[in-house]
C-alpha atoms as a PDB file:
ATOM      1  CA  MET A   1      -6.290  -8.296 -27.481  1.00  0.00           C
ATOM      2  CA  ILE A   2      -3.026  -6.758 -26.270  1.00  0.00           C
ATOM      3  CA  LEU A   3      -3.683  -4.525 -23.268  1.00  0.00           C
ATOM      4  CA  GLY A   4      -1.843  -1.444 -22.130  1.00  0.00           C
ATOM      5  CA  PHE A   5      -2.656   0.696 -19.129  1.00  0.00           C
ATOM      6  CA  LEU A   6      -2.175   4.287 -18.037  1.00  0.00           C
ATOM      7  CA  ALA A   7      -2.393   4.862 -14.281  1.00  0.00           C
ATOM      8  CA  SER A   8      -1.728   7.762 -11.948  1.00  0.00           C
ATOM      9  CA  HIS A   9      -1.806   6.022  -8.571  1.00  0.00           C
ATOM     10  CA  GLY A  10      -2.677   2.462  -7.539  1.00  0.00           C
ATOM     11  CA  GLY A  11      -3.869   1.073 -10.857  1.00  0.00           C
ATOM     12  CA  SER A  12      -6.616  -1.116  -9.393  1.00  0.00           C
ATOM     13  CA  ALA A  13      -8.242  -1.714 -12.794  1.00  0.00           C
ATOM     14  CA  ALA A  14      -4.894  -2.753 -14.285  1.00  0.00           C
ATOM     15  CA  ARG A  15      -4.338  -5.173 -11.416  1.00  0.00           C
ATOM     16  CA  PHE A  16      -7.847  -6.643 -11.717  1.00  0.00           C
ATOM     17  CA  LEU A  17      -7.650  -7.053 -15.491  1.00  0.00           C
ATOM     18  CA  THR A  18      -4.144  -8.521 -15.415  1.00  0.00           C
ATOM     19  CA  ALA A  19      -5.330 -11.131 -12.914  1.00  0.00           C
ATOM     20  CA  ALA A  20      -8.377 -11.842 -15.103  1.00  0.00           C
ATOM     21  CA  CYS A  21      -6.110 -12.389 -18.116  1.00  0.00           C
ATOM     22  CA  ARG A  22      -3.770 -14.674 -16.224  1.00  0.00           C
ATOM     23  CA  ASP A  23      -6.530 -16.805 -14.728  1.00  0.00           C
ATOM     24  CA  GLY A  24      -8.347 -17.168 -18.051  1.00  0.00           C
ATOM     25  CA  ARG A  25     -11.356 -14.913 -17.448  1.00  0.00           C
ATOM     26  CA  LEU A  26     -10.291 -12.507 -20.202  1.00  0.00           C
ATOM     27  CA  ASN A  27      -8.728 -13.577 -23.485  1.00  0.00           C
ATOM     28  CA  ALA A  28      -6.117 -10.829 -23.591  1.00  0.00           C
ATOM     29  CA  VAL A  29      -2.461 -10.232 -22.817  1.00  0.00           C
ATOM     30  CA  PRO A  30      -1.459  -7.331 -20.546  1.00  0.00           C
ATOM     31  CA  VAL A  31       1.913  -5.991 -21.660  1.00  0.00           C
ATOM     32  CA  ALA A  32       2.542  -2.420 -20.519  1.00  0.00           C
ATOM     33  CA  LEU A  33       1.724   0.250 -17.956  1.00  0.00           C
ATOM     34  CA  ALA A  34       2.827   3.873 -17.926  1.00  0.00           C
ATOM     35  CA  SER A  35       2.231   6.407 -15.187  1.00  0.00           C
ATOM     36  CA  ASN A  36       2.459  10.164 -14.968  1.00  0.00           C
ATOM     37  CA  ASN A  37       3.590   9.739 -11.354  1.00  0.00           C
ATOM     38  CA  SER A  38       7.131   8.402 -10.800  1.00  0.00           C
ATOM     39  CA  GLY A  39       6.176   7.190  -7.317  1.00  0.00           C
ATOM     40  CA  SER A  40       3.005   5.468  -8.445  1.00  0.00           C
ATOM     41  CA  PRO A  41       2.311   2.147  -6.700  1.00  0.00           C
ATOM     42  CA  ALA A  42       0.998   0.985 -10.087  1.00  0.00           C
ATOM     43  CA  LEU A  43       4.493   1.254 -11.590  1.00  0.00           C
ATOM     44  CA  ALA A  44       6.039  -0.856  -8.842  1.00  0.00           C
ATOM     45  CA  TRP A  45       3.264  -3.442  -9.119  1.00  0.00           C
ATOM     46  CA  ALA A  46       3.525  -3.571 -12.938  1.00  0.00           C
ATOM     47  CA  ARG A  47       7.289  -4.129 -12.812  1.00  0.00           C
ATOM     48  CA  GLU A  48       6.785  -7.024 -10.392  1.00  0.00           C
ATOM     49  CA  ALA A  49       4.015  -8.395 -12.634  1.00  0.00           C
ATOM     50  CA  GLY A  50       6.383  -8.434 -15.614  1.00  0.00           C
ATOM     51  CA  LEU A  51       4.774  -5.627 -17.594  1.00  0.00           C
ATOM     52  CA  ARG A  52       6.818  -3.099 -19.524  1.00  0.00           C
ATOM     53  CA  THR A  53       6.720   0.159 -17.542  1.00  0.00           C
ATOM     54  CA  ALA A  54       7.499   3.820 -18.030  1.00  0.00           C
ATOM     55  CA  HIS A  55       7.177   7.091 -16.165  1.00  0.00           C
ATOM     56  CA  LEU A  56       5.796   9.501 -18.773  1.00  0.00           C
ATOM     57  CA  SER A  57       4.823  12.894 -17.434  1.00  0.00           C
ATOM     58  CA  SER A  58       5.038  16.619 -17.992  1.00  0.00           C
ATOM     59  CA  ALA A  59       8.030  16.592 -15.626  1.00  0.00           C
ATOM     60  CA  LYS A  60       9.934  14.570 -18.243  1.00  0.00           C
ATOM     61  CA  TYR A  61       8.181  16.047 -21.283  1.00  0.00           C
ATOM     62  CA  PRO A  62       7.156  19.662 -20.571  1.00  0.00           C
ATOM     63  CA  ASP A  63       5.834  20.106 -24.125  1.00  0.00           C
ATOM     64  CA  PRO A  64       2.358  18.467 -24.313  1.00  0.00           C
ATOM     65  CA  ASP A  65       2.949  17.372 -27.915  1.00  0.00           C
ATOM     66  CA  ALA A  66       6.201  15.646 -26.929  1.00  0.00           C
ATOM     67  CA  LEU A  67       4.444  13.891 -24.048  1.00  0.00           C
ATOM     68  CA  ASP A  68       1.658  12.727 -26.364  1.00  0.00           C
ATOM     69  CA  ALA A  69       4.280  11.375 -28.801  1.00  0.00           C
ATOM     70  CA  ALA A  70       6.179   9.613 -25.992  1.00  0.00           C
ATOM     71  CA  ILE A  71       3.034   7.905 -24.695  1.00  0.00           C
ATOM     72  CA  LEU A  72       2.108   6.798 -28.202  1.00  0.00           C
ATOM     73  CA  ALA A  73       5.616   5.456 -28.886  1.00  0.00           C
ATOM     74  CA  PHE A  74       5.616   3.537 -25.599  1.00  0.00           C
ATOM     75  CA  LEU A  75       2.250   1.912 -26.345  1.00  0.00           C
ATOM     76  CA  GLN A  76       3.093   1.088 -29.951  1.00  0.00           C
ATOM     77  CA  ASP A  77       6.539  -0.289 -29.068  1.00  0.00           C
ATOM     78  CA  ALA A  78       4.829  -2.640 -26.607  1.00  0.00           C
ATOM     79  CA  GLY A  79       2.345  -3.788 -29.268  1.00  0.00           C
ATOM     80  CA  VAL A  80      -0.692  -2.479 -27.380  1.00  0.00           C
ATOM     81  CA  ASP A  81      -3.947  -2.591 -29.357  1.00  0.00           C
ATOM     82  CA  THR A  82      -6.362  -1.718 -26.535  1.00  0.00           C
ATOM     83  CA  LEU A  83      -5.704   0.896 -23.862  1.00  0.00           C
ATOM     84  CA  VAL A  84      -7.361   1.017 -20.440  1.00  0.00           C
ATOM     85  CA  LEU A  85      -7.191   4.086 -18.227  1.00  0.00           C
ATOM     86  CA  SER A  86      -6.739   2.826 -14.688  1.00  0.00           C
ATOM     87  CA  GLY A  87      -7.286   5.907 -12.569  1.00  0.00           C
ATOM     88  CA  TYR A  88      -5.303   8.021 -15.030  1.00  0.00           C
ATOM     89  CA  MET A  89      -5.812  11.642 -14.019  1.00  0.00           C
ATOM     90  CA  LYS A  90      -4.643  13.323 -17.221  1.00  0.00           C
ATOM     91  CA  ALA A  91      -6.324  14.002 -20.550  1.00  0.00           C
ATOM     92  CA  LEU A  92      -4.938  12.072 -23.506  1.00  0.00           C
ATOM     93  CA  GLY A  93      -3.354  13.936 -26.388  1.00  0.00           C
ATOM     94  CA  PRO A  94      -4.581  13.900 -29.981  1.00  0.00           C
ATOM     95  CA  ARG A  95      -1.959  11.420 -31.232  1.00  0.00           C
ATOM     96  CA  VAL A  96      -2.904   8.740 -28.724  1.00  0.00           C
ATOM     97  CA  LEU A  97      -6.618   9.397 -29.223  1.00  0.00           C
ATOM     98  CA  SER A  98      -6.264   9.114 -32.996  1.00  0.00           C
ATOM     99  CA  ALA A  99      -4.070   6.005 -32.988  1.00  0.00           C
ATOM    100  CA  TYR A 100      -6.345   4.207 -30.518  1.00  0.00           C
ATOM    101  CA  ALA A 101      -9.723   5.609 -31.597  1.00  0.00           C
ATOM    102  CA  GLY A 102     -12.460   3.280 -30.383  1.00  0.00           C
ATOM    103  CA  ARG A 103      -9.926   1.252 -28.364  1.00  0.00           C
ATOM    104  CA  VAL A 104      -9.392   3.394 -25.236  1.00  0.00           C
ATOM    105  CA  LEU A 105     -11.598   2.548 -22.260  1.00  0.00           C
ATOM    106  CA  ASN A 106     -12.132   4.401 -19.011  1.00  0.00           C
ATOM    107  CA  ILE A 107     -14.204   3.570 -15.978  1.00  0.00           C
ATOM    108  CA  HIS A 108     -15.930   6.454 -14.223  1.00  0.00           C
ATOM    109  CA  PRO A 109     -17.608   6.124 -10.790  1.00  0.00           C
ATOM    110  CA  SER A 110     -21.013   7.530 -11.736  1.00  0.00           C
ATOM    111  CA  LEU A 111     -23.814   6.975 -14.202  1.00  0.00           C
ATOM    112  CA  LEU A 112     -22.535   9.176 -17.002  1.00  0.00           C
ATOM    113  CA  PRO A 113     -23.440  11.672 -18.251  1.00  0.00           C
ATOM    114  CA  ARG A 114     -24.320  12.626 -14.659  1.00  0.00           C
ATOM    115  CA  HIS A 115     -21.430  13.734 -12.476  1.00  0.00           C
ATOM    116  CA  GLY A 116     -18.765  13.557 -15.163  1.00  0.00           C
ATOM    117  CA  GLY A 117     -16.414  15.984 -16.820  1.00  0.00           C
ATOM    118  CA  ARG A 118     -13.441  18.101 -15.841  1.00  0.00           C
ATOM    119  CA  GLY A 119     -12.782  18.150 -12.111  1.00  0.00           C
ATOM    120  CA  LEU A 120     -15.124  15.258 -11.306  1.00  0.00           C
ATOM    121  CA  TYR A 121     -12.980  12.303 -10.292  1.00  0.00           C
ATOM    122  CA  GLY A 122     -12.442  10.148  -7.224  1.00  0.00           C
ATOM    123  CA  ASP A 123     -14.234  11.290  -4.085  1.00  0.00           C
ATOM    124  CA  ARG A 124     -15.468  14.434  -5.832  1.00  0.00           C
ATOM    125  CA  VAL A 125     -17.826  12.299  -7.924  1.00  0.00           C
ATOM    126  CA  HIS A 126     -19.377  10.647  -4.879  1.00  0.00           C
ATOM    127  CA  GLU A 127     -19.652  14.017  -3.116  1.00  0.00           C
ATOM    128  CA  ALA A 128     -21.544  15.357  -6.147  1.00  0.00           C
ATOM    129  CA  VAL A 129     -23.884  12.348  -6.208  1.00  0.00           C
ATOM    130  CA  LEU A 130     -24.713  12.741  -2.514  1.00  0.00           C
ATOM    131  CA  ALA A 131     -25.143  16.521  -2.792  1.00  0.00           C
ATOM    132  CA  SER A 132     -27.508  16.119  -5.759  1.00  0.00           C
ATOM    133  CA  GLY A 133     -29.980  13.928  -3.902  1.00  0.00           C
ATOM    134  CA  ASP A 134     -29.757  11.209  -6.571  1.00  0.00           C
ATOM    135  CA  THR A 135     -31.314   7.941  -5.438  1.00  0.00           C
ATOM    136  CA  GLU A 136     -28.883   5.818  -7.430  1.00  0.00           C
ATOM    137  CA  SER A 137     -25.314   5.930  -8.609  1.00  0.00           C
ATOM    138  CA  GLY A 138     -23.019   3.416 -10.213  1.00  0.00           C
ATOM    139  CA  ALA A 139     -20.138   3.082 -12.618  1.00  0.00           C
ATOM    140  CA  THR A 140     -19.757   3.612 -16.342  1.00  0.00           C
ATOM    141  CA  VAL A 141     -17.281   2.150 -18.803  1.00  0.00           C
ATOM    142  CA  HIS A 142     -16.956   4.415 -21.816  1.00  0.00           C
ATOM    143  CA  LEU A 143     -14.749   4.942 -24.819  1.00  0.00           C
ATOM    144  CA  VAL A 144     -12.384   7.859 -24.381  1.00  0.00           C
ATOM    145  CA  THR A 145     -12.653  10.839 -26.697  1.00  0.00           C
ATOM    146  CA  ALA A 146     -11.259  14.371 -26.564  1.00  0.00           C
ATOM    147  CA  GLY A 147     -14.125  15.491 -24.294  1.00  0.00           C
ATOM    148  CA  ILE A 148     -13.644  14.476 -20.652  1.00  0.00           C
ATOM    149  CA  ASP A 149     -16.105  11.640 -19.834  1.00  0.00           C
ATOM    150  CA  GLU A 150     -18.033  12.325 -23.060  1.00  0.00           C
ATOM    151  CA  GLY A 151     -17.236   9.174 -25.066  1.00  0.00           C
ATOM    152  CA  PRO A 152     -19.810   6.519 -25.992  1.00  0.00           C
ATOM    153  CA  VAL A 153     -21.008   4.445 -23.044  1.00  0.00           C
ATOM    154  CA  LEU A 154     -20.171   0.738 -23.312  1.00  0.00           C
ATOM    155  CA  ALA A 155     -21.603  -0.511 -20.014  1.00  0.00           C
ATOM    156  CA  GLN A 156     -23.093   0.706 -16.749  1.00  0.00           C
ATOM    157  CA  VAL A 157     -23.929  -0.820 -13.409  1.00  0.00           C
ATOM    158  CA  ARG A 158     -26.276   0.781 -10.882  1.00  0.00           C
ATOM    159  CA  VAL A 159     -26.232   0.872  -7.100  1.00  0.00           C
ATOM    160  CA  PRO A 160     -28.723   2.517  -4.759  1.00  0.00           C
ATOM    161  CA  VAL A 161     -27.799   5.593  -2.780  1.00  0.00           C
ATOM    162  CA  LEU A 162     -28.825   4.592   0.726  1.00  0.00           C
ATOM    163  CA  PRO A 163     -30.036   6.806   3.573  1.00  0.00           C
ATOM    164  CA  GLY A 164     -27.021   7.736   5.664  1.00  0.00           C
ATOM    165  CA  ASP A 165     -24.533   7.050   2.857  1.00  0.00           C
ATOM    166  CA  THR A 166     -21.192   8.800   3.123  1.00  0.00           C
ATOM    167  CA  VAL A 167     -18.625   9.273   0.408  1.00  0.00           C
ATOM    168  CA  ALA A 168     -16.781   6.248   1.802  1.00  0.00           C
ATOM    169  CA  THR A 169     -19.787   3.903   1.873  1.00  0.00           C
ATOM    170  CA  LEU A 170     -21.032   4.894  -1.578  1.00  0.00           C
ATOM    171  CA  LYS A 171     -17.534   4.709  -3.035  1.00  0.00           C
ATOM    172  CA  ALA A 172     -17.011   1.208  -1.616  1.00  0.00           C
ATOM    173  CA  ARG A 173     -20.295  -0.038  -3.090  1.00  0.00           C
ATOM    174  CA  VAL A 174     -19.471   1.364  -6.527  1.00  0.00           C
ATOM    175  CA  GLN A 175     -15.844   0.200  -6.516  1.00  0.00           C
ATOM    176  CA  ALA A 176     -16.875  -3.341  -5.615  1.00  0.00           C
ATOM    177  CA  LEU A 177     -18.560  -3.618  -9.031  1.00  0.00           C
ATOM    178  CA  GLU A 178     -16.094  -1.752 -11.245  1.00  0.00           C
ATOM    179  CA  GLY A 179     -13.740  -4.614 -12.075  1.00  0.00           C
ATOM    180  CA  GLU A 180     -16.418  -6.971 -13.354  1.00  0.00           C
ATOM    181  CA  LEU A 181     -18.048  -4.145 -15.314  1.00  0.00           C
ATOM    182  CA  LEU A 182     -14.772  -3.346 -17.043  1.00  0.00           C
ATOM    183  CA  LEU A 183     -14.173  -7.033 -17.698  1.00  0.00           C
ATOM    184  CA  SER A 184     -17.565  -7.437 -19.384  1.00  0.00           C
ATOM    185  CA  ALA A 185     -17.013  -4.305 -21.500  1.00  0.00           C
ATOM    186  CA  LEU A 186     -13.645  -5.597 -22.714  1.00  0.00           C
ATOM    187  CA  ARG A 187     -15.133  -8.985 -23.565  1.00  0.00           C
ATOM    188  CA  ALA A 188     -17.813  -7.244 -25.637  1.00  0.00           C
ATOM    189  CA  LEU A 189     -15.198  -5.102 -27.391  1.00  0.00           C
ATOM    190  CA  ALA A 190     -12.989  -8.081 -28.315  1.00  0.00           C
END
């Protein structure tokens, strides 16, 4: 398995999975990371980690079709066969989705299909969970399709929503389990 990553900010999933590959917990080779944010900490980390990197965004490619083509070319040139979205805050274009159908994974910080879809990311997800009165939350690894957070679920992990939880406490509990969940989903996909 040859892994590529798309990240908008810190790229915590990319960092976790790259470490898992290098210490033998995942039989895969991380090779590339692109970001839509030129100042992304993930880009700096990936360069230091020896991954091929690129800043690919609408600032460089105002035409969405051209951006889609550039992302696809970057991934294919690097030999990527499996793509992981590591906090990537943009929808993928049809070329990337077609070329990597069934091989693009995302982790979402809720038990999809609850609290997913356009506009529900980061702290907004945890705010929605708390506002709903749900007694549990968690994380979901799913395949990426054209519909935001609508792809087939590969794995989920559950955590209780505790009395007095805040966005920060719930988020920390969910995030603590995300890396291992993603790791197990990739192992099953291999």
